[in-house]
Amino acid sequence: MNSRGSMFKSPNGDVFINGLDTGDSLKHVIIDMTSCSFVDNDTVKTFSSLYSDLRKLEIAMYLAACTKEVRKCFQAGSFPPADGDSPEGVSPEVFFISVQAAVAYAGCDDVIERGHETTQM
C-alpha cells in the first residue's frame, strides 16, 4: 500500500483509498458512466450495495452521463434506494447529465480549480 492515502471503516471491512491525504475528508464519489451502454440486475444490486455502504460512511454517490436506457434499468431495479431520512422516502438526487454537473451539485468546484487528479477504474 502507498503511504499516501486514507483508511475508512466500513460495515464490510476496512477500505483504503490511495491518493487521499489523511487530513482530507471524502464526501462525494462521482462515477462517470459515459462508456456504459448496458447494466443488468447484478450491476444494479452491486451499485445499490455500494451506495448503501458509502451512505453509512456519510459519502454521497453520484452517477454522471448515464444514457436514458441505463438510467431506466437502474430505476427499474429501485436504484437509488429511497432515503429513509427524508419525508415520504424520497430518493436522493443521484443521476446527473455530466460529470461537470455532478461536481457543481456536490459543491466541489474547487477540485477542478486546484487541478486535482481523477481516478479512473
PDB file of N, CA and C in Angstrom:
ATOM      1  N   MET A   1       0.820  -1.184   0.000  1.00  0.00           N
ATOM      2  CA  MET A   1       0.000   0.000   0.000  1.00  0.00           C
ATOM      3  C   MET A   1       0.862   1.246   0.000  1.00  0.00           C
ATOM      4  N   ASN A   2       0.441   2.214  -0.766  1.00  0.00           N
ATOM      5  CA  ASN A   2       1.105   3.506  -0.780  1.00  0.00           C
ATOM      6  C   ASN A   2       0.838   4.197   0.549  1.00  0.00           C
ATOM      7  N   SER A   3       1.834   4.870   1.087  1.00  0.00           N
ATOM      8  CA  SER A   3       1.661   5.525   2.381  1.00  0.00           C
ATOM      9  C   SER A   3       0.772   6.759   2.286  1.00  0.00           C
ATOM     10  N   ARG A   4       0.541   7.261   1.091  1.00  0.00           N
ATOM     11  CA  ARG A   4      -0.311   8.436   0.925  1.00  0.00           C
ATOM     12  C   ARG A   4      -1.728   7.964   0.622  1.00  0.00           C
ATOM     13  N   GLY A   5      -2.552   7.977   1.633  1.00  0.00           N
ATOM     14  CA  GLY A   5      -3.923   7.529   1.468  1.00  0.00           C
ATOM     15  C   GLY A   5      -4.651   7.586   2.787  1.00  0.00           C
ATOM     16  N   SER A   6      -5.894   7.137   2.780  1.00  0.00           N
ATOM     17  CA  SER A   6      -6.710   7.171   3.987  1.00  0.00           C
ATOM     18  C   SER A   6      -7.431   5.851   4.169  1.00  0.00           C
ATOM     19  N   MET A   7      -7.610   5.459   5.424  1.00  0.00           N
ATOM     20  CA  MET A   7      -8.320   4.241   5.775  1.00  0.00           C
ATOM     21  C   MET A   7      -9.691   4.626   6.323  1.00  0.00           C
ATOM     22  N   PHE A   8     -10.729   3.949   5.832  1.00  0.00           N
ATOM     23  CA  PHE A   8     -12.091   4.172   6.303  1.00  0.00           C
ATOM     24  C   PHE A   8     -12.633   2.866   6.855  1.00  0.00           C
ATOM     25  N   LYS A   9     -13.393   2.956   7.919  1.00  0.00           N
ATOM     26  CA  LYS A   9     -14.064   1.789   8.486  1.00  0.00           C
ATOM     27  C   LYS A   9     -15.399   1.631   7.768  1.00  0.00           C
ATOM     28  N   SER A  10     -15.706   0.424   7.371  1.00  0.00           N
ATOM     29  CA  SER A  10     -16.951   0.123   6.694  1.00  0.00           C
ATOM     30  C   SER A  10     -17.567  -1.104   7.345  1.00  0.00           C
ATOM     31  N   PRO A  11     -18.890  -1.262   7.276  1.00  0.00           N
ATOM     32  CA  PRO A  11     -19.508  -2.473   7.806  1.00  0.00           C
ATOM     33  C   PRO A  11     -18.970  -3.736   7.140  1.00  0.00           C
ATOM     34  N   ASN A  12     -18.451  -3.596   5.926  1.00  0.00           N
ATOM     35  CA  ASN A  12     -17.904  -4.741   5.195  1.00  0.00           C
ATOM     36  C   ASN A  12     -16.393  -4.851   5.318  1.00  0.00           C
ATOM     37  N   GLY A  13     -15.791  -4.095   6.214  1.00  0.00           N
ATOM     38  CA  GLY A  13     -14.343  -4.146   6.405  1.00  0.00           C
ATOM     39  C   GLY A  13     -13.699  -2.799   6.145  1.00  0.00           C
ATOM     40  N   ASP A  14     -12.395  -2.744   6.322  1.00  0.00           N
ATOM     41  CA  ASP A  14     -11.656  -1.508   6.118  1.00  0.00           C
ATOM     42  C   ASP A  14     -11.473  -1.233   4.629  1.00  0.00           C
ATOM     43  N   VAL A  15     -11.517   0.042   4.278  1.00  0.00           N
ATOM     44  CA  VAL A  15     -11.326   0.472   2.896  1.00  0.00           C
ATOM     45  C   VAL A  15     -10.183   1.469   2.875  1.00  0.00           C
ATOM     46  N   PHE A  16      -9.168   1.208   2.038  1.00  0.00           N
ATOM     47  CA  PHE A  16      -8.042   2.124   1.888  1.00  0.00           C
ATOM     48  C   PHE A  16      -8.199   2.852   0.567  1.00  0.00           C
ATOM     49  N   ILE A  17      -8.126   4.176   0.603  1.00  0.00           N
ATOM     50  CA  ILE A  17      -8.219   4.974  -0.618  1.00  0.00           C
ATOM     51  C   ILE A  17      -6.867   5.617  -0.864  1.00  0.00           C
ATOM     52  N   ASN A  18      -6.200   5.141  -1.899  1.00  0.00           N
ATOM     53  CA  ASN A  18      -4.877   5.617  -2.256  1.00  0.00           C
ATOM     54  C   ASN A  18      -4.978   7.018  -2.848  1.00  0.00           C
ATOM     55  N   GLY A  19      -4.066   7.890  -2.441  1.00  0.00           N
ATOM     56  CA  GLY A  19      -4.000   9.225  -3.010  1.00  0.00           C
ATOM     57  C   GLY A  19      -4.818  10.258  -2.272  1.00  0.00           C
ATOM     58  N   LEU A  20      -5.568   9.844  -1.267  1.00  0.00           N
ATOM     59  CA  LEU A  20      -6.357  10.788  -0.480  1.00  0.00           C
ATOM     60  C   LEU A  20      -5.582  11.107   0.779  1.00  0.00           C
ATOM     61  N   ASP A  21      -5.195  12.360   0.928  1.00  0.00           N
ATOM     62  CA  ASP A  21      -4.435  12.759   2.108  1.00  0.00           C
ATOM     63  C   ASP A  21      -5.217  12.465   3.372  1.00  0.00           C
ATOM     64  N   THR A  22      -4.507  12.069   4.411  1.00  0.00           N
ATOM     65  CA  THR A  22      -5.135  11.712   5.673  1.00  0.00           C
ATOM     66  C   THR A  22      -5.995  12.840   6.220  1.00  0.00           C
ATOM     67  N   GLY A  23      -5.586  14.079   6.016  1.00  0.00           N
ATOM     68  CA  GLY A  23      -6.349  15.209   6.521  1.00  0.00           C
ATOM     69  C   GLY A  23      -7.595  15.521   5.707  1.00  0.00           C
ATOM     70  N   ASP A  24      -7.666  14.985   4.485  1.00  0.00           N
ATOM     71  CA  ASP A  24      -8.820  15.236   3.628  1.00  0.00           C
ATOM     72  C   ASP A  24     -10.011  14.410   4.091  1.00  0.00           C
ATOM     73  N   SER A  25     -11.176  14.881   3.758  1.00  0.00           N
ATOM     74  CA  SER A  25     -12.397  14.175   4.105  1.00  0.00           C
ATOM     75  C   SER A  25     -13.142  13.853   2.814  1.00  0.00           C
ATOM     76  N   LEU A  26     -13.309  12.580   2.524  1.00  0.00           N
ATOM     77  CA  LEU A  26     -14.012  12.161   1.315  1.00  0.00           C
ATOM     78  C   LEU A  26     -15.508  12.349   1.536  1.00  0.00           C
ATOM     79  N   LYS A  27     -16.130  13.148   0.698  1.00  0.00           N
ATOM     80  CA  LYS A  27     -17.552  13.455   0.863  1.00  0.00           C
ATOM     81  C   LYS A  27     -18.400  12.994  -0.319  1.00  0.00           C
ATOM     82  N   HIS A  28     -17.790  12.858  -1.497  1.00  0.00           N
ATOM     83  CA  HIS A  28     -18.540  12.548  -2.706  1.00  0.00           C
ATOM     84  C   HIS A  28     -17.758  11.561  -3.569  1.00  0.00           C
ATOM     85  N   VAL A  29     -18.498  10.645  -4.207  1.00  0.00           N
ATOM     86  CA  VAL A  29     -17.931   9.762  -5.219  1.00  0.00           C
ATOM     87  C   VAL A  29     -18.765   9.981  -6.478  1.00  0.00           C
ATOM     88  N   ILE A  30     -18.101  10.398  -7.545  1.00  0.00           N
ATOM     89  CA  ILE A  30     -18.780  10.629  -8.818  1.00  0.00           C
ATOM     90  C   ILE A  30     -18.278   9.580  -9.801  1.00  0.00           C
ATOM     91  N   ILE A  31     -19.214   8.789 -10.328  1.00  0.00           N
ATOM     92  CA  ILE A  31     -18.860   7.725 -11.267  1.00  0.00           C
ATOM     93  C   ILE A  31     -19.284   8.165 -12.666  1.00  0.00           C
ATOM     94  N   ASP A  32     -18.303   8.241 -13.563  1.00  0.00           N
ATOM     95  CA  ASP A  32     -18.553   8.630 -14.950  1.00  0.00           C
ATOM     96  C   ASP A  32     -19.060   7.406 -15.713  1.00  0.00           C
ATOM     97  N   MET A  33     -20.320   7.450 -16.124  1.00  0.00           N
ATOM     98  CA  MET A  33     -20.958   6.315 -16.792  1.00  0.00           C
ATOM     99  C   MET A  33     -20.986   6.473 -18.315  1.00  0.00           C
ATOM    100  N   THR A  34     -20.192   7.385 -18.841  1.00  0.00           N
ATOM    101  CA  THR A  34     -20.194   7.679 -20.273  1.00  0.00           C
ATOM    102  C   THR A  34     -20.021   6.425 -21.127  1.00  0.00           C
ATOM    103  N   SER A  35     -19.123   5.548 -20.753  1.00  0.00           N
ATOM    104  CA  SER A  35     -18.815   4.368 -21.561  1.00  0.00           C
ATOM    105  C   SER A  35     -19.762   3.202 -21.318  1.00  0.00           C
ATOM    106  N   CYS A  36     -20.686   3.346 -20.408  1.00  0.00           N
ATOM    107  CA  CYS A  36     -21.586   2.252 -20.046  1.00  0.00           C
ATOM    108  C   CYS A  36     -22.855   2.313 -20.892  1.00  0.00           C
ATOM    109  N   SER A  37     -23.082   1.284 -21.700  1.00  0.00           N
ATOM    110  CA  SER A  37     -24.270   1.270 -22.552  1.00  0.00           C
ATOM    111  C   SER A  37     -25.334   0.297 -22.061  1.00  0.00           C
ATOM    112  N   PHE A  38     -25.002  -0.503 -21.033  1.00  0.00           N
ATOM    113  CA  PHE A  38     -25.942  -1.510 -20.550  1.00  0.00           C
ATOM    114  C   PHE A  38     -25.626  -1.853 -19.099  1.00  0.00           C
ATOM    115  N   VAL A  39     -26.653  -2.057 -18.297  1.00  0.00           N
ATOM    116  CA  VAL A  39     -26.485  -2.599 -16.948  1.00  0.00           C
ATOM    117  C   VAL A  39     -27.501  -3.717 -16.765  1.00  0.00           C
ATOM    118  N   ASP A  40     -27.102  -4.748 -16.033  1.00  0.00           N
ATOM    119  CA  ASP A  40     -28.024  -5.840 -15.744  1.00  0.00           C
ATOM    120  C   ASP A  40     -28.413  -5.791 -14.266  1.00  0.00           C
ATOM    121  N   ASN A  41     -29.208  -6.757 -13.840  1.00  0.00           N
ATOM    122  CA  ASN A  41     -29.701  -6.787 -12.470  1.00  0.00           C
ATOM    123  C   ASN A  41     -28.562  -6.876 -11.453  1.00  0.00           C
ATOM    124  N   ASP A  42     -27.523  -7.645 -11.770  1.00  0.00           N
ATOM    125  CA  ASP A  42     -26.381  -7.757 -10.853  1.00  0.00           C
ATOM    126  C   ASP A  42     -25.662  -6.418 -10.698  1.00  0.00           C
ATOM    127  N   THR A  43     -25.568  -5.664 -11.778  1.00  0.00           N
ATOM    128  CA  THR A  43     -24.952  -4.335 -11.712  1.00  0.00           C
ATOM    129  C   THR A  43     -25.749  -3.427 -10.790  1.00  0.00           C
ATOM    130  N   VAL A  44     -27.062  -3.453 -10.928  1.00  0.00           N
ATOM    131  CA  VAL A  44     -27.926  -2.620 -10.087  1.00  0.00           C
ATOM    132  C   VAL A  44     -27.765  -3.010  -8.620  1.00  0.00           C
ATOM    133  N   LYS A  45     -27.721  -4.313  -8.330  1.00  0.00           N
ATOM    134  CA  LYS A  45     -27.533  -4.776  -6.946  1.00  0.00           C
ATOM    135  C   LYS A  45     -26.180  -4.328  -6.397  1.00  0.00           C
ATOM    136  N   THR A  46     -25.137  -4.419  -7.220  1.00  0.00           N
ATOM    137  CA  THR A  46     -23.795  -4.006  -6.790  1.00  0.00           C
ATOM    138  C   THR A  46     -23.758  -2.511  -6.498  1.00  0.00           C
ATOM    139  N   PHE A  47     -24.330  -1.715  -7.385  1.00  0.00           N
ATOM    140  CA  PHE A  47     -24.360  -0.269  -7.171  1.00  0.00           C
ATOM    141  C   PHE A  47     -25.209   0.088  -5.951  1.00  0.00           C
ATOM    142  N   SER A  48     -26.302  -0.636  -5.736  1.00  0.00           N
ATOM    143  CA  SER A  48     -27.139  -0.390  -4.553  1.00  0.00           C
ATOM    144  C   SER A  48     -26.367  -0.678  -3.277  1.00  0.00           C
ATOM    145  N   SER A  49     -25.612  -1.762  -3.278  1.00  0.00           N
ATOM    146  CA  SER A  49     -24.791  -2.115  -2.114  1.00  0.00           C
ATOM    147  C   SER A  49     -23.705  -1.068  -1.881  1.00  0.00           C
ATOM    148  N   LEU A  50     -23.038  -0.654  -2.959  1.00  0.00           N
ATOM    149  CA  LEU A  50     -22.007   0.380  -2.858  1.00  0.00           C
ATOM    150  C   LEU A  50     -22.610   1.683  -2.347  1.00  0.00           C
ATOM    151  N   TYR A  51     -23.764   2.044  -2.893  1.00  0.00           N
ATOM    152  CA  TYR A  51     -24.453   3.265  -2.478  1.00  0.00           C
ATOM    153  C   TYR A  51     -24.756   3.223  -0.972  1.00  0.00           C
ATOM    154  N   SER A  52     -25.285   2.105  -0.498  1.00  0.00           N
ATOM    155  CA  SER A  52     -25.627   1.963   0.926  1.00  0.00           C
ATOM    156  C   SER A  52     -24.389   2.014   1.809  1.00  0.00           C
ATOM    157  N   ASP A  53     -23.317   1.336   1.391  1.00  0.00           N
ATOM    158  CA  ASP A  53     -22.067   1.354   2.168  1.00  0.00           C
ATOM    159  C   ASP A  53     -21.493   2.768   2.253  1.00  0.00           C
ATOM    160  N   LEU A  54     -21.483   3.474   1.130  1.00  0.00           N
ATOM    161  CA  LEU A  54     -20.962   4.845   1.128  1.00  0.00           C
ATOM    162  C   LEU A  54     -21.825   5.761   1.990  1.00  0.00           C
ATOM    163  N   ARG A  55     -23.126   5.550   1.930  1.00  0.00           N
ATOM    164  CA  ARG A  55     -24.037   6.378   2.727  1.00  0.00           C
ATOM    165  C   ARG A  55     -23.778   6.205   4.224  1.00  0.00           C
ATOM    166  N   LYS A  56     -23.489   4.982   4.645  1.00  0.00           N
ATOM    167  CA  LYS A  56     -23.167   4.727   6.058  1.00  0.00           C
ATOM    168  C   LYS A  56     -21.897   5.464   6.474  1.00  0.00           C
ATOM    169  N   LEU A  57     -21.013   5.699   5.516  1.00  0.00           N
ATOM    170  CA  LEU A  57     -19.780   6.445   5.776  1.00  0.00           C
ATOM    171  C   LEU A  57     -19.978   7.951   5.562  1.00  0.00           C
ATOM    172  N   GLU A  58     -21.228   8.343   5.316  1.00  0.00           N
ATOM    173  CA  GLU A  58     -21.584   9.739   5.050  1.00  0.00           C
ATOM    174  C   GLU A  58     -20.895  10.285   3.800  1.00  0.00           C
ATOM    175  N   ILE A  59     -20.834   9.424   2.780  1.00  0.00           N
ATOM    176  CA  ILE A  59     -20.259   9.786   1.484  1.00  0.00           C
ATOM    177  C   ILE A  59     -21.371   9.673   0.439  1.00  0.00           C
ATOM    178  N   ALA A  60     -21.570  10.730  -0.338  1.00  0.00           N
ATOM    179  CA  ALA A  60     -22.599  10.732  -1.379  1.00  0.00           C
ATOM    180  C   ALA A  60     -22.054  10.101  -2.653  1.00  0.00           C
ATOM    181  N   MET A  61     -22.911   9.371  -3.367  1.00  0.00           N
ATOM    182  CA  MET A  61     -22.523   8.740  -4.627  1.00  0.00           C
ATOM    183  C   MET A  61     -23.388   9.310  -5.746  1.00  0.00           C
ATOM    184  N   TYR A  62     -22.740   9.734  -6.824  1.00  0.00           N
ATOM    185  CA  TYR A  62     -23.439  10.307  -7.971  1.00  0.00           C
ATOM    186  C   TYR A  62     -23.032   9.565  -9.239  1.00  0.00           C
ATOM    187  N   LEU A  63     -24.000   9.367 -10.137  1.00  0.00           N
ATOM    188  CA  LEU A  63     -23.730   8.755 -11.434  1.00  0.00           C
ATOM    189  C   LEU A  63     -23.876   9.836 -12.498  1.00  0.00           C
ATOM    190  N   ALA A  64     -22.845  10.011 -13.295  1.00  0.00           N
ATOM    191  CA  ALA A  64     -22.827  11.069 -14.303  1.00  0.00           C
ATOM    192  C   ALA A  64     -22.861  10.485 -15.708  1.00  0.00           C
ATOM    193  N   ALA A  65     -23.600  11.144 -16.573  1.00  0.00           N
ATOM    194  CA  ALA A  65     -23.638  10.846 -18.007  1.00  0.00           C
ATOM    195  C   ALA A  65     -24.192   9.459 -18.331  1.00  0.00           C
ATOM    196  N   CYS A  66     -25.212   9.025 -17.584  1.00  0.00           N
ATOM    197  CA  CYS A  66     -25.885   7.759 -17.909  1.00  0.00           C
ATOM    198  C   CYS A  66     -26.756   7.962 -19.147  1.00  0.00           C
ATOM    199  N   THR A  67     -26.799   6.958 -20.001  1.00  0.00           N
ATOM    200  CA  THR A  67     -27.741   7.013 -21.117  1.00  0.00           C
ATOM    201  C   THR A  67     -29.152   6.823 -20.565  1.00  0.00           C
ATOM    202  N   LYS A  68     -30.125   7.168 -21.367  1.00  0.00           N
ATOM    203  CA  LYS A  68     -31.525   7.017 -20.954  1.00  0.00           C
ATOM    204  C   LYS A  68     -31.829   5.554 -20.617  1.00  0.00           C
ATOM    205  N   GLU A  69     -31.307   4.634 -21.419  1.00  0.00           N
ATOM    206  CA  GLU A  69     -31.553   3.207 -21.216  1.00  0.00           C
ATOM    207  C   GLU A  69     -30.935   2.710 -19.909  1.00  0.00           C
ATOM    208  N   VAL A  70     -29.721   3.149 -19.633  1.00  0.00           N
ATOM    209  CA  VAL A  70     -29.042   2.740 -18.397  1.00  0.00           C
ATOM    210  C   VAL A  70     -29.788   3.290 -17.190  1.00  0.00           C
ATOM    211  N   ARG A  71     -30.192   4.534 -17.275  1.00  0.00           N
ATOM    212  CA  ARG A  71     -30.935   5.139 -16.160  1.00  0.00           C
ATOM    213  C   ARG A  71     -32.248   4.395 -15.912  1.00  0.00           C
ATOM    214  N   LYS A  72     -32.947   4.020 -16.978  1.00  0.00           N
ATOM    215  CA  LYS A  72     -34.197   3.262 -16.833  1.00  0.00           C
ATOM    216  C   LYS A  72     -33.945   1.925 -16.139  1.00  0.00           C
ATOM    217  N   CYS A  73     -32.847   1.258 -16.490  1.00  0.00           N
ATOM    218  CA  CYS A  73     -32.506  -0.023 -15.847  1.00  0.00           C
ATOM    219  C   CYS A  73     -32.257   0.166 -14.354  1.00  0.00           C
ATOM    220  N   PHE A  74     -31.515   1.211 -14.000  1.00  0.00           N
ATOM    221  CA  PHE A  74     -31.266   1.491 -12.585  1.00  0.00           C
ATOM    222  C   PHE A  74     -32.579   1.752 -11.854  1.00  0.00           C
ATOM    223  N   GLN A  75     -33.434   2.579 -12.437  1.00  0.00           N
ATOM    224  CA  GLN A  75     -34.686   2.932 -11.780  1.00  0.00           C
ATOM    225  C   GLN A  75     -35.638   1.742 -11.697  1.00  0.00           C
ATOM    226  N   ALA A  76     -35.622   0.866 -12.710  1.00  0.00           N
ATOM    227  CA  ALA A  76     -36.446  -0.344 -12.663  1.00  0.00           C
ATOM    228  C   ALA A  76     -35.998  -1.267 -11.535  1.00  0.00           C
ATOM    229  N   GLY A  77     -34.715  -1.207 -11.200  1.00  0.00           N
ATOM    230  CA  GLY A  77     -34.172  -2.006 -10.101  1.00  0.00           C
ATOM    231  C   GLY A  77     -34.216  -1.285  -8.767  1.00  0.00           C
ATOM    232  N   SER A  78     -35.016  -0.223  -8.690  1.00  0.00           N
ATOM    233  CA  SER A  78     -35.184   0.576  -7.461  1.00  0.00           C
ATOM    234  C   SER A  78     -33.886   1.202  -6.977  1.00  0.00           C
ATOM    235  N   PHE A  79     -33.080   1.665  -7.924  1.00  0.00           N
ATOM    236  CA  PHE A  79     -31.876   2.410  -7.567  1.00  0.00           C
ATOM    237  C   PHE A  79     -32.083   3.855  -7.981  1.00  0.00           C
ATOM    238  N   PRO A  80     -31.805   4.789  -7.114  1.00  0.00           N
ATOM    239  CA  PRO A  80     -31.221   4.631  -5.784  1.00  0.00           C
ATOM    240  C   PRO A  80     -32.283   4.229  -4.765  1.00  0.00           C
ATOM    241  N   PRO A  81     -31.846   3.561  -3.691  1.00  0.00           N
ATOM    242  CA  PRO A  81     -32.805   3.200  -2.645  1.00  0.00           C
ATOM    243  C   PRO A  81     -33.426   4.459  -2.051  1.00  0.00           C
ATOM    244  N   ALA A  82     -34.690   4.355  -1.659  1.00  0.00           N
ATOM    245  CA  ALA A  82     -35.366   5.502  -1.041  1.00  0.00           C
ATOM    246  C   ALA A  82     -34.632   5.912   0.220  1.00  0.00           C
ATOM    247  N   ASP A  83     -34.599   7.198   0.455  1.00  0.00           N
ATOM    248  CA  ASP A  83     -33.924   7.752   1.623  1.00  0.00           C
ATOM    249  C   ASP A  83     -34.871   7.694   2.818  1.00  0.00           C
ATOM    250  N   GLY A  84     -34.553   6.868   3.794  1.00  0.00           N
ATOM    251  CA  GLY A  84     -35.388   6.711   4.972  1.00  0.00           C
ATOM    252  C   GLY A  84     -35.452   7.946   5.836  1.00  0.00           C
ATOM    253  N   ASP A  85     -34.482   8.859   5.684  1.00  0.00           N
ATOM    254  CA  ASP A  85     -34.444  10.072   6.499  1.00  0.00           C
ATOM    255  C   ASP A  85     -35.334  11.183   5.951  1.00  0.00           C
ATOM    256  N   SER A  86     -35.719  11.080   4.683  1.00  0.00           N
ATOM    257  CA  SER A  86     -36.493  12.162   4.086  1.00  0.00           C
ATOM    258  C   SER A  86     -37.987  11.848   4.156  1.00  0.00           C
ATOM    259  N   PRO A  87     -38.822  12.878   4.088  1.00  0.00           N
ATOM    260  CA  PRO A  87     -40.262  12.642   4.124  1.00  0.00           C
ATOM    261  C   PRO A  87     -40.715  11.815   2.930  1.00  0.00           C
ATOM    262  N   GLU A  88     -41.603  10.893   3.170  1.00  0.00           N
ATOM    263  CA  GLU A  88     -42.189  10.029   2.142  1.00  0.00           C
ATOM    264  C   GLU A  88     -41.159   9.163   1.435  1.00  0.00           C
ATOM    265  N   GLY A  89     -39.994   8.950   2.024  1.00  0.00           N
ATOM    266  CA  GLY A  89     -38.985   8.066   1.449  1.00  0.00           C
ATOM    267  C   GLY A  89     -38.516   8.472   0.068  1.00  0.00           C
ATOM    268  N   VAL A  90     -38.385   9.760  -0.183  1.00  0.00           N
ATOM    269  CA  VAL A  90     -37.965  10.261  -1.495  1.00  0.00           C
ATOM    270  C   VAL A  90     -36.514   9.865  -1.764  1.00  0.00           C
ATOM    271  N   SER A  91     -36.248   9.392  -2.980  1.00  0.00           N
ATOM    272  CA  SER A  91     -34.880   9.039  -3.353  1.00  0.00           C
ATOM    273  C   SER A  91     -34.050  10.303  -3.531  1.00  0.00           C
ATOM    274  N   PRO A  92     -32.819  10.288  -3.063  1.00  0.00           N
ATOM    275  CA  PRO A  92     -31.950  11.455  -3.231  1.00  0.00           C
ATOM    276  C   PRO A  92     -31.516  11.607  -4.690  1.00  0.00           C
ATOM    277  N   GLU A  93     -31.052  12.799  -5.038  1.00  0.00           N
ATOM    278  CA  GLU A  93     -30.553  13.055  -6.393  1.00  0.00           C
ATOM    279  C   GLU A  93     -29.265  12.276  -6.603  1.00  0.00           C
ATOM    280  N   VAL A  94     -29.227  11.438  -7.624  1.00  0.00           N
ATOM    281  CA  VAL A  94     -28.056  10.606  -7.898  1.00  0.00           C
ATOM    282  C   VAL A  94     -27.588  10.759  -9.340  1.00  0.00           C
ATOM    283  N   PHE A  95     -28.515  10.956 -10.273  1.00  0.00           N
ATOM    284  CA  PHE A  95     -28.185  10.987 -11.694  1.00  0.00           C
ATOM    285  C   PHE A  95     -27.940  12.417 -12.176  1.00  0.00           C
ATOM    286  N   PHE A  96     -26.855  12.576 -12.954  1.00  0.00           N
ATOM    287  CA  PHE A  96     -26.513  13.891 -13.494  1.00  0.00           C
ATOM    288  C   PHE A  96     -26.176  13.762 -14.966  1.00  0.00           C
ATOM    289  N   ILE A  97     -26.469  14.805 -15.721  1.00  0.00           N
ATOM    290  CA  ILE A  97     -26.265  14.788 -17.163  1.00  0.00           C
ATOM    291  C   ILE A  97     -24.789  14.731 -17.549  1.00  0.00           C
ATOM    292  N   SER A  98     -23.916  15.236 -16.680  1.00  0.00           N
ATOM    293  CA  SER A  98     -22.480  15.240 -16.971  1.00  0.00           C
ATOM    294  C   SER A  98     -21.687  15.190 -15.667  1.00  0.00           C
ATOM    295  N   VAL A  99     -20.410  14.888 -15.791  1.00  0.00           N
ATOM    296  CA  VAL A  99     -19.529  14.908 -14.617  1.00  0.00           C
ATOM    297  C   VAL A  99     -19.468  16.325 -14.061  1.00  0.00           C
ATOM    298  N   GLN A 100     -19.396  17.311 -14.948  1.00  0.00           N
ATOM    299  CA  GLN A 100     -19.330  18.702 -14.506  1.00  0.00           C
ATOM    300  C   GLN A 100     -20.566  19.087 -13.694  1.00  0.00           C
ATOM    301  N   ALA A 101     -21.741  18.610 -14.105  1.00  0.00           N
ATOM    302  CA  ALA A 101     -22.973  18.909 -13.367  1.00  0.00           C
ATOM    303  C   ALA A 101     -22.945  18.262 -11.982  1.00  0.00           C
ATOM    304  N   ALA A 102     -22.429  17.040 -11.896  1.00  0.00           N
ATOM    305  CA  ALA A 102     -22.325  16.359 -10.602  1.00  0.00           C
ATOM    306  C   ALA A 102     -21.336  17.073  -9.686  1.00  0.00           C
ATOM    307  N   VAL A 103     -20.219  17.511 -10.257  1.00  0.00           N
ATOM    308  CA  VAL A 103     -19.211  18.240  -9.471  1.00  0.00           C
ATOM    309  C   VAL A 103     -19.801  19.550  -8.957  1.00  0.00           C
ATOM    310  N   ALA A 104     -20.526  20.247  -9.809  1.00  0.00           N
ATOM    311  CA  ALA A 104     -21.147  21.509  -9.396  1.00  0.00           C
ATOM    312  C   ALA A 104     -22.183  21.268  -8.301  1.00  0.00           C
ATOM    313  N   TYR A 105     -23.000  20.222  -8.450  1.00  0.00           N
ATOM    314  CA  TYR A 105     -24.018  19.894  -7.443  1.00  0.00           C
ATOM    315  C   TYR A 105     -23.368  19.564  -6.101  1.00  0.00           C
ATOM    316  N   ALA A 106     -22.258  18.848  -6.162  1.00  0.00           N
ATOM    317  CA  ALA A 106     -21.554  18.454  -4.942  1.00  0.00           C
ATOM    318  C   ALA A 106     -20.832  19.634  -4.300  1.00  0.00           C
ATOM    319  N   GLY A 107     -20.747  20.742  -5.024  1.00  0.00           N
ATOM    320  CA  GLY A 107     -20.064  21.912  -4.479  1.00  0.00           C
ATOM    321  C   GLY A 107     -18.567  21.734  -4.435  1.00  0.00           C
ATOM    322  N   CYS A 108     -18.043  21.012  -5.412  1.00  0.00           N
ATOM    323  CA  CYS A 108     -16.610  20.698  -5.441  1.00  0.00           C
ATOM    324  C   CYS A 108     -15.897  21.442  -6.555  1.00  0.00           C
ATOM    325  N   ASP A 109     -16.373  22.612  -6.913  1.00  0.00           N
ATOM    326  CA  ASP A 109     -15.738  23.375  -7.986  1.00  0.00           C
ATOM    327  C   ASP A 109     -14.271  23.643  -7.705  1.00  0.00           C
ATOM    328  N   ASP A 110     -13.903  23.730  -6.423  1.00  0.00           N
ATOM    329  CA  ASP A 110     -12.509  23.990  -6.072  1.00  0.00           C
ATOM    330  C   ASP A 110     -11.600  22.837  -6.473  1.00  0.00           C
ATOM    331  N   VAL A 111     -12.153  21.626  -6.590  1.00  0.00           N
ATOM    332  CA  VAL A 111     -11.346  20.477  -7.007  1.00  0.00           C
ATOM    333  C   VAL A 111     -10.866  20.685  -8.430  1.00  0.00           C
ATOM    334  N   ILE A 112     -11.744  21.174  -9.289  1.00  0.00           N
ATOM    335  CA  ILE A 112     -11.364  21.432 -10.677  1.00  0.00           C
ATOM    336  C   ILE A 112     -10.350  22.570 -10.732  1.00  0.00           C
ATOM    337  N   GLU A 113     -10.584  23.614  -9.949  1.00  0.00           N
ATOM    338  CA  GLU A 113      -9.684  24.762  -9.954  1.00  0.00           C
ATOM    339  C   GLU A 113      -8.298  24.401  -9.443  1.00  0.00           C
ATOM    340  N   ARG A 114      -8.215  23.497  -8.463  1.00  0.00           N
ATOM    341  CA  ARG A 114      -6.919  23.108  -7.917  1.00  0.00           C
ATOM    342  C   ARG A 114      -6.202  22.109  -8.815  1.00  0.00           C
ATOM    343  N   GLY A 115      -6.918  21.586  -9.808  1.00  0.00           N
ATOM    344  CA  GLY A 115      -6.285  20.676 -10.748  1.00  0.00           C
ATOM    345  C   GLY A 115      -5.978  19.311 -10.159  1.00  0.00           C
ATOM    346  N   HIS A 116      -6.815  18.824  -9.246  1.00  0.00           N
ATOM    347  CA  HIS A 116      -6.595  17.502  -8.673  1.00  0.00           C
ATOM    348  C   HIS A 116      -6.730  16.433  -9.747  1.00  0.00           C
ATOM    349  N   GLU A 117      -6.015  15.354  -9.553  1.00  0.00           N
ATOM    350  CA  GLU A 117      -6.122  14.229 -10.465  1.00  0.00           C
ATOM    351  C   GLU A 117      -7.426  13.502 -10.190  1.00  0.00           C
ATOM    352  N   THR A 118      -7.953  12.851 -11.228  1.00  0.00           N
ATOM    353  CA  THR A 118      -9.111  11.999 -11.023  1.00  0.00           C
ATOM    354  C   THR A 118      -8.661  10.561 -11.188  1.00  0.00           C
ATOM    355  N   THR A 119      -9.357   9.675 -10.538  1.00  0.00           N
ATOM    356  CA  THR A 119      -9.024   8.261 -10.623  1.00  0.00           C
ATOM    357  C   THR A 119     -10.043   7.577 -11.514  1.00  0.00           C
ATOM    358  N   GLN A 120      -9.575   6.864 -12.511  1.00  0.00           N
ATOM    359  CA  GLN A 120     -10.466   6.121 -13.387  1.00  0.00           C
ATOM    360  C   GLN A 120     -10.299   4.642 -13.110  1.00  0.00           C
ATOM    361  N   MET A 121     -11.409   3.940 -13.102  1.00  0.00           N
ATOM    362  CA  MET A 121     -11.381   2.491 -12.867  1.00  0.00           C
ATOM    363  C   MET A 121     -11.863   1.788 -14.099  1.00  0.00           C
TER     364      MET A 121
END
